[in-house]
């Protein structure tokens, strides 16, 4: 079983990954944030470091997916490789923060990678308004995230909505504007009930 959690910056992916891993006793696979050598530089100068950052994430998540497929164990993954390719990289390109040459290079590499991987058994999308994202980003207090622009979060949200609307796999959407699973055990119970009903249909 491969469950993946998708959502914008600050939507609660890492928190939910940990909570679900504990509940289901499944291995949690996290996004490489603390060990990422480009994040600080990227938020200081997005245009200069966008391609480097996206290649780092692409490489990291491809390695994760290959390991997951090899081990054949039940896992919960914090963010997917598809978000890099269909949301973050094209968003940077559209905003003029990644050159056409770099974007074409990146897209070509992803197309090759995509031929070696399969979609998760269930994708959980954490839907959040920008105001919710900002509140949660401020709450976790990462210094390098202080300079994230609101228009950047807005444009990412638009791309997430478009991607989810056309997603072909099994999908569960959780509205984190109203379902506060990190603070309320009852809300976490609601999320788990929704997941149970989805994964029961996978067997």
Protein backbone atom coordinates (compact mmCIF):
# COMPACT_ATOMS: atom_id res chain seq x y z
CA UNK A 1 0.00 0.00 0.00
CA UNK A 2 1.39 3.38 -1.05
CA UNK A 3 -0.48 6.40 0.33
CA UNK A 4 0.86 9.82 -0.68
CA UNK A 5 -0.07 13.19 0.80
CA UNK A 6 -0.13 16.21 -1.50
CA UNK A 7 -0.69 19.87 -0.75
CA UNK A 8 0.72 23.37 -0.84
CA UNK A 9 3.45 24.68 1.46
CA UNK A 10 2.08 24.75 5.01
CA UNK A 11 -0.99 22.59 4.32
CA UNK A 12 -0.02 20.03 6.98
CA UNK A 13 1.46 17.19 4.91
CA UNK A 14 4.32 16.35 7.29
CA UNK A 15 2.04 16.48 10.34
CA UNK A 16 -0.56 14.20 8.76
CA UNK A 17 2.13 11.84 7.50
CA UNK A 18 3.37 11.38 11.08
CA UNK A 19 -0.14 10.94 12.53
CA UNK A 20 -1.17 8.38 9.92
CA UNK A 21 2.12 6.50 10.21
CA UNK A 22 1.52 6.15 13.94
CA UNK A 23 -2.11 5.07 13.47
CA UNK A 24 -1.60 2.53 10.69
CA UNK A 25 1.90 1.43 11.80
CA UNK A 26 3.17 2.11 8.29
CA UNK A 27 6.55 3.54 7.35
CA UNK A 28 6.62 7.33 6.93
CA UNK A 29 8.68 8.76 4.06
CA UNK A 30 9.34 12.47 4.43
CA UNK A 31 10.33 15.24 2.06
CA UNK A 32 13.99 16.25 2.37
CA UNK A 33 13.67 19.76 3.76
CA UNK A 34 16.22 20.12 6.55
CA UNK A 35 18.98 18.48 4.47
CA UNK A 36 18.16 20.39 1.31
CA UNK A 37 21.21 22.56 0.43
CA UNK A 38 19.20 24.86 -1.88
CA UNK A 39 16.13 25.94 0.10
CA UNK A 40 17.65 28.95 1.87
CA UNK A 41 19.27 30.17 -1.33
CA UNK A 42 16.07 29.62 -3.31
CA UNK A 43 13.90 31.79 -1.08
CA UNK A 44 16.57 34.51 -1.16
CA UNK A 45 16.87 34.45 -4.97
CA UNK A 46 14.25 32.27 -6.68
CA UNK A 47 15.34 33.02 -10.23
CA UNK A 48 18.95 32.01 -9.60
CA UNK A 49 18.24 28.79 -7.69
CA UNK A 50 14.89 27.50 -9.00
CA UNK A 51 16.35 24.93 -11.41
CA UNK A 52 18.85 23.63 -8.84
CA UNK A 53 16.12 23.26 -6.22
CA UNK A 54 13.74 21.43 -8.52
CA UNK A 55 16.43 19.04 -9.74
CA UNK A 56 17.32 18.27 -6.11
CA UNK A 57 13.69 17.45 -5.29
CA UNK A 58 13.24 15.44 -8.49
CA UNK A 59 16.31 13.35 -7.73
CA UNK A 60 15.33 12.90 -4.07
CA UNK A 61 11.76 11.82 -4.77
CA UNK A 62 12.72 9.52 -7.63
CA UNK A 63 15.09 7.71 -5.27
CA UNK A 64 12.29 7.51 -2.69
CA UNK A 65 9.81 6.02 -5.15
CA UNK A 66 12.31 3.45 -6.47
CA UNK A 67 13.07 2.35 -2.90
CA UNK A 68 9.34 2.09 -2.11
CA UNK A 69 8.74 -0.07 -5.16
CA UNK A 70 11.68 -2.32 -4.33
CA UNK A 71 10.70 -2.91 -0.69
CA UNK A 72 7.03 -3.52 -1.42
CA UNK A 73 5.98 -2.36 2.07
CA UNK A 74 3.08 -0.14 3.16
CA UNK A 75 4.22 3.48 3.31
CA UNK A 76 2.85 7.00 3.74
CA UNK A 77 4.74 9.57 1.67
CA UNK A 78 5.02 13.30 2.37
CA UNK A 79 4.54 14.97 -1.06
CA UNK A 80 4.78 13.32 -4.48
CA UNK A 81 7.10 13.59 -7.44
CA UNK A 82 4.12 14.71 -9.55
CA UNK A 83 3.77 17.94 -7.58
CA UNK A 84 7.31 18.92 -8.53
CA UNK A 85 6.68 18.30 -12.21
CA UNK A 86 3.09 19.50 -12.61
CA UNK A 87 2.94 22.31 -10.06
CA UNK A 88 6.21 23.74 -8.74
CA UNK A 89 8.42 23.66 -11.83
CA UNK A 90 5.80 24.99 -14.30
CA UNK A 91 4.75 27.62 -11.76
CA UNK A 92 8.33 28.88 -11.49
CA UNK A 93 8.57 28.92 -15.28
CA UNK A 94 5.31 30.85 -15.70
CA UNK A 95 6.37 33.39 -13.06
CA UNK A 96 9.59 34.00 -14.98
CA UNK A 97 11.67 32.40 -12.22
CA UNK A 98 12.91 29.49 -14.36
CA UNK A 99 14.23 29.95 -17.90
CA UNK A 100 12.65 28.21 -20.89
CA UNK A 101 15.87 26.24 -21.41
CA UNK A 102 15.96 24.98 -17.83
CA UNK A 103 12.24 24.16 -17.83
CA UNK A 104 12.53 22.12 -21.02
CA UNK A 105 15.55 20.28 -19.59
CA UNK A 106 13.65 19.58 -16.35
CA UNK A 107 10.50 18.42 -18.17
CA UNK A 108 12.46 16.07 -20.40
CA UNK A 109 14.13 14.50 -17.37
CA UNK A 110 10.79 14.05 -15.60
CA UNK A 111 9.23 12.37 -18.65
CA UNK A 112 12.02 9.80 -18.56
CA UNK A 113 11.64 9.28 -14.80
CA UNK A 114 7.86 8.98 -15.09
CA UNK A 115 8.24 5.94 -17.33
CA UNK A 116 9.86 4.04 -14.42
CA UNK A 117 7.35 4.78 -11.65
CA UNK A 118 3.70 4.10 -10.84
CA UNK A 119 1.07 6.24 -9.16
CA UNK A 120 0.29 5.86 -5.44
CA UNK A 121 -2.61 3.60 -4.45
CA UNK A 122 -4.27 6.60 -2.79
CA UNK A 123 -3.51 10.31 -3.03
CA UNK A 124 -4.66 12.51 -0.15
CA UNK A 125 -4.91 16.16 -1.18
CA UNK A 126 -4.84 18.74 1.63
CA UNK A 127 -6.85 21.70 0.35
CA UNK A 128 -6.15 25.02 2.09
CA UNK A 129 -6.79 28.72 1.51
CA UNK A 130 -3.74 30.99 1.45
CA UNK A 131 -4.74 32.48 4.83
CA UNK A 132 -4.65 28.99 6.37
CA UNK A 133 -1.29 28.29 4.74
CA UNK A 134 0.21 31.53 6.06
CA UNK A 135 -1.03 30.83 9.58
CA UNK A 136 0.49 27.35 9.58
CA UNK A 137 3.76 28.50 7.98
CA UNK A 138 4.14 31.16 10.67
CA UNK A 139 3.31 28.62 13.39
CA UNK A 140 6.18 26.30 12.44
CA UNK A 141 8.65 29.19 12.33
CA UNK A 142 11.15 28.21 9.63
CA UNK A 143 13.34 31.26 8.99
CA UNK A 144 13.76 30.64 5.27
CA UNK A 145 9.97 30.60 4.79
CA UNK A 146 9.51 34.14 6.12
CA UNK A 147 10.08 35.57 2.65
CA UNK A 148 7.54 33.39 0.80
CA UNK A 149 5.40 35.68 -1.34
CA UNK A 150 1.59 35.55 -1.18
CA UNK A 151 1.32 35.60 -4.98
CA UNK A 152 3.60 32.54 -5.03
CA UNK A 153 1.28 30.64 -2.65
CA UNK A 154 -1.76 31.80 -4.62
CA UNK A 155 -0.40 30.61 -7.93
CA UNK A 156 0.59 27.26 -6.41
CA UNK A 157 -2.94 26.84 -5.06
CA UNK A 158 -4.39 27.48 -8.52
CA UNK A 159 -2.13 24.83 -9.99
CA UNK A 160 -2.98 22.32 -7.26
CA UNK A 161 -6.69 22.75 -7.97
CA UNK A 162 -6.16 22.26 -11.71
CA UNK A 163 -3.96 19.19 -11.16
CA UNK A 164 -6.37 17.54 -8.72
CA UNK A 165 -9.32 18.21 -11.05
CA UNK A 166 -7.60 16.09 -13.73
CA UNK A 167 -5.94 13.50 -11.48
CA UNK A 168 -6.55 9.98 -12.82
CA UNK A 169 -5.79 7.91 -9.71
CA UNK A 170 -7.69 7.27 -6.48
CA UNK A 171 -8.08 10.61 -4.67
CA UNK A 172 -9.27 11.83 -1.28
CA UNK A 173 -9.55 15.60 -0.65
CA UNK A 174 -9.35 16.92 2.93
CA UNK A 175 -10.34 20.56 3.50
CA UNK A 176 -7.89 21.70 6.17
CA UNK A 177 -9.63 25.05 6.45
CA UNK A 178 -12.32 23.25 8.44
CA UNK A 179 -10.77 19.89 9.40
CA UNK A 180 -8.03 20.66 11.95
CA UNK A 181 -6.50 17.19 12.34
CA UNK A 182 -3.32 18.50 13.97
CA UNK A 183 -5.20 20.15 16.86
CA UNK A 184 -8.41 18.13 17.19
CA UNK A 185 -8.46 14.33 17.76
CA UNK A 186 -12.07 14.21 16.55
CA UNK A 187 -11.06 15.77 13.23
CA UNK A 188 -8.19 13.29 12.89
CA UNK A 189 -10.76 10.55 13.44
CA UNK A 190 -12.81 11.96 10.56
CA UNK A 191 -9.76 11.84 8.29
CA UNK A 192 -8.97 8.25 9.30
CA UNK A 193 -12.58 7.18 8.65
CA UNK A 194 -12.40 8.70 5.18
CA UNK A 195 -9.10 6.94 4.47
CA UNK A 196 -10.42 3.60 5.75
CA UNK A 197 -13.39 3.80 3.40
CA UNK A 198 -11.04 4.52 0.50
CA UNK A 199 -8.40 1.86 1.18
CA UNK A 200 -10.99 -0.84 1.87
CA UNK A 201 -11.90 -0.54 -1.78
CA UNK A 202 -8.30 -1.16 -2.82
CA UNK A 203 -8.21 -4.78 -1.69
